[in-house]
Amino acid sequence: MNPRLFLIAALLSSAACSDASEMEERVGASAEASAPATPPQPPGTEAGEGRAIAESTEDYEFEYSWPVAANSIPALATVLQRRADSARAELVENAAEDRAAAAEADYPFRPHSFMGEWELVTDIPGWLSLSGTISTYSGGAHPNSGFDSLLWDKETGGARNPLDLFRSPQNFENAIARRFCTMLDAERAERRGAPVDPDADDYFSDCPVVEEVTVLLGSSNGETFDRIGILVMPYVAGPYAEGSYEFDLPVDTALLDAVRRNYRRSFSLGPQD
């Protein structure tokens, strides 16, 4: 296992919060997973509208939503509904177990929460790109947050990982590394009030690898992917107090070279800064 990923998981665990992999599994659970259905749909979920689910009890609060562009594609709406059902089922189970443990050990129970929100990144011919934001609380020192992404292939009718469109994750990482790491170090230096030492024996001074970040495919022209979003959740590039990092990179020739040949027509060079 990547040592940085192991350490991130250990930090999250020690804070009594869900770790990074669990966070992504909750919002990105397999579309085939079965779970109890969520409560009846509230107003605002008919065709041509987005989907918003909200439930509040003494044990937990649950919210999950996705935009009209996703809800208007029945197969995609089904995928997202199943992910919502899976996330809610896990929340209900964990909250019940924690309440029972609190009663047995005679300590106060703190209600749990899960909030997942999908937003439209871009809708271009052949593709719909979504970004997901997750916030959870399971009784620990503080809430936890994370990101996810989903690319819907309109031609095949299936959900894809944005990195599927590149020759390999490593090719993608090599193409963005210089720009991404330079931007990250500049932002970290501003937040910390001191330059980042690249030779420091400190994982919060390292540049995260592609497996540790969330990749979004965006468009400024409405026709092709010409921008790349990089989202970095807390604990990956810095301590929890630094929060998350978000960067927007125009597609350049290096990125174009990393795209699989059969997807090349869906990309173009972006406006260069």
C-alpha atoms as a PDB file:
ATOM      1  CA  MET A   1       0.000   0.000   0.000  1.00  0.00           C
ATOM      2  CA  ASN A   2       1.196   3.534  -0.712  1.00  0.00           C
ATOM      3  CA  PRO A   3       2.826   4.722   2.571  1.00  0.00           C
ATOM      4  CA  ARG A   4       1.170   8.140   2.293  1.00  0.00           C
ATOM      5  CA  LEU A   5      -2.266   6.560   1.897  1.00  0.00           C
ATOM      6  CA  PHE A   6      -1.599   4.331   4.925  1.00  0.00           C
ATOM      7  CA  LEU A   7      -0.611   7.333   7.039  1.00  0.00           C
ATOM      8  CA  ILE A   8      -3.631   9.358   5.922  1.00  0.00           C
ATOM      9  CA  ALA A   9      -5.916   6.485   6.932  1.00  0.00           C
ATOM     10  CA  ALA A  10      -4.192   6.234  10.317  1.00  0.00           C
ATOM     11  CA  LEU A  11      -4.645   9.965  10.969  1.00  0.00           C
ATOM     12  CA  LEU A  12      -8.322   9.821  10.098  1.00  0.00           C
ATOM     13  CA  SER A  13      -8.844   6.749  12.246  1.00  0.00           C
ATOM     14  CA  SER A  14      -7.173   8.359  15.252  1.00  0.00           C
ATOM     15  CA  ALA A  15      -9.574  11.294  14.939  1.00  0.00           C
ATOM     16  CA  ALA A  16     -12.522   8.855  15.167  1.00  0.00           C
ATOM     17  CA  CYS A  17     -13.599   9.758  11.645  1.00  0.00           C
ATOM     18  CA  SER A  18     -14.088   7.651   8.498  1.00  0.00           C
ATOM     19  CA  ASP A  19     -10.918   7.207   6.421  1.00  0.00           C
ATOM     20  CA  ALA A  20     -10.468   8.448   2.860  1.00  0.00           C
ATOM     21  CA  SER A  21     -11.238   5.141   1.182  1.00  0.00           C
ATOM     22  CA  GLU A  22     -14.425   4.681   3.208  1.00  0.00           C
ATOM     23  CA  MET A  23     -15.532   8.180   2.254  1.00  0.00           C
ATOM     24  CA  GLU A  24     -15.189   7.453  -1.453  1.00  0.00           C
ATOM     25  CA  GLU A  25     -16.883   4.082  -1.107  1.00  0.00           C
ATOM     26  CA  ARG A  26     -19.914   5.713   0.531  1.00  0.00           C
ATOM     27  CA  VAL A  27     -20.534   8.234  -2.213  1.00  0.00           C
ATOM     28  CA  GLY A  28     -19.242   6.028  -5.017  1.00  0.00           C
ATOM     29  CA  ALA A  29     -20.599   2.634  -4.078  1.00  0.00           C
ATOM     30  CA  SER A  30     -21.192   0.149  -6.879  1.00  0.00           C
ATOM     31  CA  ALA A  31     -24.349   0.760  -8.841  1.00  0.00           C
ATOM     32  CA  GLU A  32     -25.103  -2.911  -8.351  1.00  0.00           C
ATOM     33  CA  ALA A  33     -25.160  -2.697  -4.559  1.00  0.00           C
ATOM     34  CA  SER A  34     -28.528  -3.395  -3.006  1.00  0.00           C
ATOM     35  CA  ALA A  35     -29.807  -1.406  -0.028  1.00  0.00           C
ATOM     36  CA  PRO A  36     -33.103  -0.406   1.561  1.00  0.00           C
ATOM     37  CA  ALA A  37     -34.870   2.260  -0.445  1.00  0.00           C
ATOM     38  CA  THR A  38     -34.733   5.843   0.724  1.00  0.00           C
ATOM     39  CA  PRO A  39     -37.911   7.613   1.866  1.00  0.00           C
ATOM     40  CA  PRO A  40     -40.484   8.626  -0.769  1.00  0.00           C
ATOM     41  CA  GLN A  41     -39.316  11.319  -3.145  1.00  0.00           C
ATOM     42  CA  PRO A  42     -40.071  14.858  -1.987  1.00  0.00           C
ATOM     43  CA  PRO A  43     -41.297  17.584  -4.329  1.00  0.00           C
ATOM     44  CA  GLY A  44     -38.705  18.587  -6.896  1.00  0.00           C
ATOM     45  CA  THR A  45     -37.778  15.206  -8.302  1.00  0.00           C
ATOM     46  CA  GLU A  46     -39.899  14.926 -11.408  1.00  0.00           C
ATOM     47  CA  ALA A  47     -38.438  14.807 -14.904  1.00  0.00           C
ATOM     48  CA  GLY A  48     -36.708  18.085 -15.671  1.00  0.00           C
ATOM     49  CA  GLU A  49     -35.770  18.669 -12.049  1.00  0.00           C
ATOM     50  CA  GLY A  50     -32.919  17.626  -9.817  1.00  0.00           C
ATOM     51  CA  ARG A  51     -33.144  15.076  -7.021  1.00  0.00           C
ATOM     52  CA  ALA A  52     -32.844  16.008  -3.347  1.00  0.00           C
ATOM     53  CA  ILE A  53     -33.145  13.513  -0.484  1.00  0.00           C
ATOM     54  CA  ALA A  54     -33.249  14.630   3.139  1.00  0.00           C
ATOM     55  CA  GLU A  55     -33.976  12.672   6.309  1.00  0.00           C
ATOM     56  CA  SER A  56     -33.451  13.633   9.939  1.00  0.00           C
ATOM     57  CA  THR A  57     -33.901  11.486  13.061  1.00  0.00           C
ATOM     58  CA  GLU A  58     -32.580  11.510  16.614  1.00  0.00           C
ATOM     59  CA  ASP A  59     -29.744   9.241  15.466  1.00  0.00           C
ATOM     60  CA  TYR A  60     -28.684  10.743  12.155  1.00  0.00           C
ATOM     61  CA  GLU A  61     -29.101  13.313   9.416  1.00  0.00           C
ATOM     62  CA  PHE A  62     -28.896  12.247   5.789  1.00  0.00           C
ATOM     63  CA  GLU A  63     -28.799  14.397   2.665  1.00  0.00           C
ATOM     64  CA  TYR A  64     -28.029  13.389  -0.908  1.00  0.00           C
ATOM     65  CA  SER A  65     -28.639  15.293  -4.120  1.00  0.00           C
ATOM     66  CA  TRP A  66     -27.804  15.497  -7.795  1.00  0.00           C
ATOM     67  CA  PRO A  67     -28.580  18.076 -10.503  1.00  0.00           C
ATOM     68  CA  VAL A  68     -31.226  18.134 -13.209  1.00  0.00           C
ATOM     69  CA  ALA A  69     -28.702  17.207 -15.933  1.00  0.00           C
ATOM     70  CA  ALA A  70     -28.041  13.906 -14.150  1.00  0.00           C
ATOM     71  CA  ASN A  71     -31.649  13.286 -13.145  1.00  0.00           C
ATOM     72  CA  SER A  72     -32.786  13.674 -16.753  1.00  0.00           C
ATOM     73  CA  ILE A  73     -30.787  10.558 -17.733  1.00  0.00           C
ATOM     74  CA  PRO A  74     -32.798   7.649 -16.241  1.00  0.00           C
ATOM     75  CA  ALA A  75     -29.885   5.188 -16.140  1.00  0.00           C
ATOM     76  CA  LEU A  76     -27.627   7.708 -14.412  1.00  0.00           C
ATOM     77  CA  ALA A  77     -30.372   8.693 -11.972  1.00  0.00           C
ATOM     78  CA  THR A  78     -30.704   5.003 -11.080  1.00  0.00           C
ATOM     79  CA  VAL A  79     -26.957   4.739 -10.429  1.00  0.00           C
ATOM     80  CA  LEU A  80     -27.034   7.772  -8.151  1.00  0.00           C
ATOM     81  CA  GLN A  81     -30.158   6.592  -6.351  1.00  0.00           C
ATOM     82  CA  ARG A  82     -28.489   3.277  -5.569  1.00  0.00           C
ATOM     83  CA  ARG A  83     -25.428   5.070  -4.282  1.00  0.00           C
ATOM     84  CA  ALA A  84     -27.657   7.194  -2.065  1.00  0.00           C
ATOM     85  CA  ASP A  85     -29.423   4.081  -0.777  1.00  0.00           C
ATOM     86  CA  SER A  86     -26.104   2.413  -0.009  1.00  0.00           C
ATOM     87  CA  ALA A  87     -24.748   5.486   1.815  1.00  0.00           C
ATOM     88  CA  ARG A  88     -27.933   5.811   3.869  1.00  0.00           C
ATOM     89  CA  ALA A  89     -27.963   2.122   4.790  1.00  0.00           C
ATOM     90  CA  GLU A  90     -24.400   2.350   6.086  1.00  0.00           C
ATOM     91  CA  LEU A  91     -25.187   5.536   8.006  1.00  0.00           C
ATOM     92  CA  VAL A  92     -28.226   3.964   9.677  1.00  0.00           C
ATOM     93  CA  GLU A  93     -26.264   0.853  10.630  1.00  0.00           C
ATOM     94  CA  ASN A  94     -23.288   2.748  12.031  1.00  0.00           C
ATOM     95  CA  ALA A  95     -25.446   5.172  14.009  1.00  0.00           C
ATOM     96  CA  ALA A  96     -27.414   2.291  15.563  1.00  0.00           C
ATOM     97  CA  GLU A  97     -24.219   0.467  16.523  1.00  0.00           C
ATOM     98  CA  ASP A  98     -22.728   3.617  18.029  1.00  0.00           C
ATOM     99  CA  ARG A  99     -25.878   4.384  20.035  1.00  0.00           C
ATOM    100  CA  ALA A 100     -25.886   0.847  21.436  1.00  0.00           C
ATOM    101  CA  ALA A 101     -22.198   1.099  22.338  1.00  0.00           C
ATOM    102  CA  ALA A 102     -22.760   4.485  23.985  1.00  0.00           C
ATOM    103  CA  ALA A 103     -25.581   3.095  26.100  1.00  0.00           C
ATOM    104  CA  GLU A 104     -23.524   0.087  27.156  1.00  0.00           C
ATOM    105  CA  ALA A 105     -20.458   2.156  28.056  1.00  0.00           C
ATOM    106  CA  ASP A 106     -22.514   5.006  29.531  1.00  0.00           C
ATOM    107  CA  TYR A 107     -21.163   7.852  27.389  1.00  0.00           C
ATOM    108  CA  PRO A 108     -23.124  10.481  25.424  1.00  0.00           C
ATOM    109  CA  PHE A 109     -24.215   9.511  21.938  1.00  0.00           C
ATOM    110  CA  ARG A 110     -23.550  12.044  19.215  1.00  0.00           C
ATOM    111  CA  PRO A 111     -25.850  11.862  16.181  1.00  0.00           C
ATOM    112  CA  HIS A 112     -24.159  10.868  12.934  1.00  0.00           C
ATOM    113  CA  SER A 113     -24.516  12.585   9.580  1.00  0.00           C
ATOM    114  CA  PHE A 114     -23.858  12.040   5.891  1.00  0.00           C
ATOM    115  CA  MET A 115     -24.205  14.699   3.226  1.00  0.00           C
ATOM    116  CA  GLY A 116     -23.413  13.949  -0.408  1.00  0.00           C
ATOM    117  CA  GLU A 117     -23.907  16.477  -3.175  1.00  0.00           C
ATOM    118  CA  TRP A 118     -23.281  15.971  -6.881  1.00  0.00           C
ATOM    119  CA  GLU A 119     -22.873  19.051  -9.066  1.00  0.00           C
ATOM    120  CA  LEU A 120     -22.585  19.515 -12.800  1.00  0.00           C
ATOM    121  CA  VAL A 121     -19.068  20.202 -14.064  1.00  0.00           C
ATOM    122  CA  THR A 122     -19.903  20.170 -17.753  1.00  0.00           C
ATOM    123  CA  ASP A 123     -22.336  18.692 -20.263  1.00  0.00           C
ATOM    124  CA  ILE A 124     -20.776  18.254 -23.698  1.00  0.00           C
ATOM    125  CA  PRO A 125     -21.614  16.041 -26.687  1.00  0.00           C
ATOM    126  CA  GLY A 126     -21.098  12.462 -25.596  1.00  0.00           C
ATOM    127  CA  TRP A 127     -20.290  13.158 -21.951  1.00  0.00           C
ATOM    128  CA  LEU A 128     -21.691  14.442 -18.655  1.00  0.00           C
ATOM    129  CA  SER A 129     -19.123  15.298 -15.980  1.00  0.00           C
ATOM    130  CA  LEU A 130     -20.076  15.501 -12.296  1.00  0.00           C
ATOM    131  CA  SER A 131     -18.223  16.405  -9.115  1.00  0.00           C
ATOM    132  CA  GLY A 132     -19.172  15.032  -5.719  1.00  0.00           C
ATOM    133  CA  THR A 133     -18.655  16.578  -2.288  1.00  0.00           C
ATOM    134  CA  ILE A 134     -19.012  14.418   0.813  1.00  0.00           C
ATOM    135  CA  SER A 135     -19.265  15.473   4.448  1.00  0.00           C
ATOM    136  CA  THR A 136     -19.657  12.969   7.271  1.00  0.00           C
ATOM    137  CA  TYR A 137     -19.701  12.944  11.044  1.00  0.00           C
ATOM    138  CA  SER A 138     -19.553   9.844  13.205  1.00  0.00           C
ATOM    139  CA  GLY A 139     -19.082  11.238  16.703  1.00  0.00           C
ATOM    140  CA  GLY A 140     -15.387  12.101  16.518  1.00  0.00           C
ATOM    141  CA  ALA A 141     -13.442  15.281  17.084  1.00  0.00           C
ATOM    142  CA  HIS A 142     -14.659  16.918  13.881  1.00  0.00           C
ATOM    143  CA  PRO A 143     -16.553  16.224  10.660  1.00  0.00           C
ATOM    144  CA  ASN A 144     -14.737  14.704   7.727  1.00  0.00           C
ATOM    145  CA  SER A 145     -14.964  15.681   4.081  1.00  0.00           C
ATOM    146  CA  GLY A 146     -13.915  14.377   0.705  1.00  0.00           C
ATOM    147  CA  PHE A 147     -14.460  14.502  -3.035  1.00  0.00           C
ATOM    148  CA  ASP A 148     -15.556  12.192  -5.827  1.00  0.00           C
ATOM    149  CA  SER A 149     -16.059  12.432  -9.580  1.00  0.00           C
ATOM    150  CA  LEU A 150     -18.225  10.669 -12.115  1.00  0.00           C
ATOM    151  CA  LEU A 151     -18.126  10.744 -15.892  1.00  0.00           C
ATOM    152  CA  TRP A 152     -21.215   9.529 -17.739  1.00  0.00           C
ATOM    153  CA  ASP A 153     -20.648   8.093 -21.200  1.00  0.00           C
ATOM    154  CA  LYS A 154     -23.767   9.021 -23.162  1.00  0.00           C
ATOM    155  CA  GLU A 155     -22.847   6.713 -26.032  1.00  0.00           C
ATOM    156  CA  THR A 156     -22.503   3.519 -23.981  1.00  0.00           C
ATOM    157  CA  GLY A 157     -24.791   4.567 -21.130  1.00  0.00           C
ATOM    158  CA  GLY A 158     -22.299   3.860 -18.367  1.00  0.00           C
ATOM    159  CA  ALA A 159     -20.432   5.556 -15.532  1.00  0.00           C
ATOM    160  CA  ARG A 160     -16.711   6.056 -16.040  1.00  0.00           C
ATOM    161  CA  ASN A 161     -13.724   7.235 -14.045  1.00  0.00           C
ATOM    162  CA  PRO A 162     -12.214  10.330 -15.719  1.00  0.00           C
ATOM    163  CA  LEU A 163      -8.821   8.614 -15.743  1.00  0.00           C
ATOM    164  CA  ASP A 164     -10.285   5.896 -18.000  1.00  0.00           C
ATOM    165  CA  LEU A 165      -9.934   8.342 -20.882  1.00  0.00           C
ATOM    166  CA  PHE A 166      -6.174   8.494 -20.489  1.00  0.00           C
ATOM    167  CA  ARG A 167      -3.575   5.928 -21.532  1.00  0.00           C
ATOM    168  CA  SER A 168      -2.859   5.227 -17.860  1.00  0.00           C
ATOM    169  CA  PRO A 169      -3.050   7.008 -14.497  1.00  0.00           C
ATOM    170  CA  GLN A 170       0.727   7.323 -14.589  1.00  0.00           C
ATOM    171  CA  ASN A 171       0.632   8.975 -18.020  1.00  0.00           C
ATOM    172  CA  PHE A 172      -1.901  11.453 -16.667  1.00  0.00           C
ATOM    173  CA  GLU A 173       0.189  12.128 -13.563  1.00  0.00           C
ATOM    174  CA  ASN A 174       3.334  12.677 -15.611  1.00  0.00           C
ATOM    175  CA  ALA A 175       1.480  15.156 -17.817  1.00  0.00           C
ATOM    176  CA  ILE A 176       0.233  17.366 -14.967  1.00  0.00           C
ATOM    177  CA  ALA A 177       2.933  16.872 -12.303  1.00  0.00           C
ATOM    178  CA  ARG A 178       5.016  19.974 -12.930  1.00  0.00           C
ATOM    179  CA  ARG A 179       2.084  22.401 -13.163  1.00  0.00           C
ATOM    180  CA  PHE A 180       0.067  20.817 -10.372  1.00  0.00           C
ATOM    181  CA  CYS A 181       2.918  20.523  -7.869  1.00  0.00           C
ATOM    182  CA  THR A 182       4.058  24.107  -8.543  1.00  0.00           C
ATOM    183  CA  MET A 183       0.535  25.443  -7.972  1.00  0.00           C
ATOM    184  CA  LEU A 184       0.089  23.326  -4.843  1.00  0.00           C
ATOM    185  CA  ASP A 185       3.376  24.449  -3.282  1.00  0.00           C
ATOM    186  CA  ALA A 186       2.517  28.094  -3.955  1.00  0.00           C
ATOM    187  CA  GLU A 187      -0.875  27.704  -2.272  1.00  0.00           C
ATOM    188  CA  ARG A 188       0.587  25.745   0.660  1.00  0.00           C
ATOM    189  CA  ALA A 189       3.245  28.413   1.171  1.00  0.00           C
ATOM    190  CA  GLU A 190       0.556  31.108   1.276  1.00  0.00           C
ATOM    191  CA  ARG A 191      -1.542  29.212   3.814  1.00  0.00           C
ATOM    192  CA  ARG A 192       1.452  28.313   5.984  1.00  0.00           C
ATOM    193  CA  GLY A 193       3.246  31.613   5.735  1.00  0.00           C
ATOM    194  CA  ALA A 194       6.481  29.912   4.677  1.00  0.00           C
ATOM    195  CA  PRO A 195       7.852  28.202   1.559  1.00  0.00           C
ATOM    196  CA  VAL A 196       7.511  24.429   1.224  1.00  0.00           C
ATOM    197  CA  ASP A 197      10.844  22.638   1.541  1.00  0.00           C
ATOM    198  CA  PRO A 198      10.936  19.988  -1.230  1.00  0.00           C
ATOM    199  CA  ASP A 199      13.702  18.122   0.612  1.00  0.00           C
ATOM    200  CA  ALA A 200      11.847  17.954   3.923  1.00  0.00           C
ATOM    201  CA  ASP A 201      11.169  14.489   5.310  1.00  0.00           C
ATOM    202  CA  ASP A 202       7.511  15.369   5.725  1.00  0.00           C
ATOM    203  CA  TYR A 203       4.602  13.887   3.762  1.00  0.00           C
ATOM    204  CA  PHE A 204       2.763  17.222   3.994  1.00  0.00           C
ATOM    205  CA  SER A 205       5.583  18.693   1.922  1.00  0.00           C
ATOM    206  CA  ASP A 206       5.358  16.016  -0.774  1.00  0.00           C
ATOM    207  CA  CYS A 207       3.271  16.376  -3.909  1.00  0.00           C
ATOM    208  CA  PRO A 208       0.321  13.920  -3.834  1.00  0.00           C
ATOM    209  CA  VAL A 209       0.213  11.169  -6.436  1.00  0.00           C
ATOM    210  CA  VAL A 210      -2.771  10.679  -8.737  1.00  0.00           C
ATOM    211  CA  GLU A 211      -4.328   7.977  -6.507  1.00  0.00           C
ATOM    212  CA  GLU A 212      -4.632  10.543  -3.706  1.00  0.00           C
ATOM    213  CA  VAL A 213      -6.537  13.235  -5.598  1.00  0.00           C
ATOM    214  CA  THR A 214      -9.870  13.548  -7.394  1.00  0.00           C
ATOM    215  CA  VAL A 215      -9.782  14.384 -11.094  1.00  0.00           C
ATOM    216  CA  LEU A 216     -12.540  16.313 -12.882  1.00  0.00           C
ATOM    217  CA  LEU A 217     -12.932  16.849 -16.610  1.00  0.00           C
ATOM    218  CA  GLY A 218     -14.291  20.284 -17.515  1.00  0.00           C
ATOM    219  CA  SER A 219     -14.989  22.440 -20.534  1.00  0.00           C
ATOM    220  CA  SER A 220     -14.874  26.159 -21.235  1.00  0.00           C
ATOM    221  CA  ASN A 221     -16.235  25.857 -24.776  1.00  0.00           C
ATOM    222  CA  GLY A 222     -19.184  23.499 -24.267  1.00  0.00           C
ATOM    223  CA  GLU A 223     -17.916  21.132 -26.946  1.00  0.00           C
ATOM    224  CA  THR A 224     -14.770  19.393 -25.680  1.00  0.00           C
ATOM    225  CA  PHE A 225     -12.844  18.774 -22.482  1.00  0.00           C
ATOM    226  CA  ASP A 226     -10.283  21.562 -22.324  1.00  0.00           C
ATOM    227  CA  ARG A 227      -9.852  21.972 -18.560  1.00  0.00           C
ATOM    228  CA  ILE A 228      -8.836  19.578 -15.776  1.00  0.00           C
ATOM    229  CA  GLY A 229      -9.856  19.964 -12.137  1.00  0.00           C
ATOM    230  CA  ILE A 230      -7.715  18.554  -9.324  1.00  0.00           C
ATOM    231  CA  LEU A 231      -9.348  18.293  -5.881  1.00  0.00           C
ATOM    232  CA  VAL A 232      -7.285  17.419  -2.806  1.00  0.00           C
ATOM    233  CA  MET A 233      -9.103  16.492   0.394  1.00  0.00           C
ATOM    234  CA  PRO A 234      -7.859  17.358   3.918  1.00  0.00           C
ATOM    235  CA  TYR A 235      -4.976  15.274   5.315  1.00  0.00           C
ATOM    236  CA  VAL A 236      -3.582  14.595   1.824  1.00  0.00           C
ATOM    237  CA  ALA A 237      -1.533  17.732   1.085  1.00  0.00           C
ATOM    238  CA  GLY A 238      -1.609  19.247   4.549  1.00  0.00           C
ATOM    239  CA  PRO A 239      -3.067  18.919   8.051  1.00  0.00           C
ATOM    240  CA  TYR A 240      -6.809  19.048   8.623  1.00  0.00           C
ATOM    241  CA  ALA A 241      -6.630  22.727   9.598  1.00  0.00           C
ATOM    242  CA  GLU A 242      -5.401  23.657   6.112  1.00  0.00           C
ATOM    243  CA  GLY A 243      -8.580  22.348   4.554  1.00  0.00           C
ATOM    244  CA  SER A 244      -8.890  21.126   0.992  1.00  0.00           C
ATOM    245  CA  TYR A 245      -7.140  22.310  -2.154  1.00  0.00           C
ATOM    246  CA  GLU A 246      -8.720  22.830  -5.581  1.00  0.00           C
ATOM    247  CA  PHE A 247      -6.932  23.595  -8.846  1.00  0.00           C
ATOM    248  CA  ASP A 248      -7.996  24.217 -12.430  1.00  0.00           C
ATOM    249  CA  LEU A 249      -5.546  23.438 -15.242  1.00  0.00           C
ATOM    250  CA  PRO A 250      -6.102  24.090 -18.951  1.00  0.00           C
ATOM    251  CA  VAL A 251      -5.448  21.109 -21.188  1.00  0.00           C
ATOM    252  CA  ASP A 252      -2.007  21.445 -22.788  1.00  0.00           C
ATOM    253  CA  THR A 253      -0.121  19.359 -25.332  1.00  0.00           C
ATOM    254  CA  ALA A 254       1.291  17.055 -22.639  1.00  0.00           C
ATOM    255  CA  LEU A 255      -2.219  16.180 -21.481  1.00  0.00           C
ATOM    256  CA  LEU A 256      -3.441  15.699 -25.028  1.00  0.00           C
ATOM    257  CA  ASP A 257      -0.614  13.244 -25.602  1.00  0.00           C
ATOM    258  CA  ALA A 258      -1.750  11.273 -22.545  1.00  0.00           C
ATOM    259  CA  VAL A 259      -5.345  10.834 -23.825  1.00  0.00           C
ATOM    260  CA  ARG A 260      -6.302   7.475 -25.336  1.00  0.00           C
ATOM    261  CA  ARG A 261      -6.520   7.724 -29.101  1.00  0.00           C
ATOM    262  CA  ASN A 262     -10.202   6.733 -29.260  1.00  0.00           C
ATOM    263  CA  TYR A 263     -11.125   9.619 -26.922  1.00  0.00           C
ATOM    264  CA  ARG A 264      -8.890  12.231 -28.518  1.00  0.00           C
ATOM    265  CA  ARG A 265     -11.798  13.914 -30.355  1.00  0.00           C
ATOM    266  CA  SER A 266     -13.425  14.717 -26.985  1.00  0.00           C
ATOM    267  CA  PHE A 267     -10.447  16.896 -25.955  1.00  0.00           C
ATOM    268  CA  SER A 268      -8.904  20.131 -27.153  1.00  0.00           C
ATOM    269  CA  LEU A 269      -6.288  22.578 -25.964  1.00  0.00           C
ATOM    270  CA  GLY A 270      -7.618  24.944 -23.336  1.00  0.00           C
ATOM    271  CA  PRO A 271      -7.013  28.685 -23.057  1.00  0.00           C
ATOM    272  CA  GLN A 272      -3.421  28.936 -21.756  1.00  0.00           C
ATOM    273  CA  ASP A 273      -2.775  31.359 -18.918  1.00  0.00           C
END
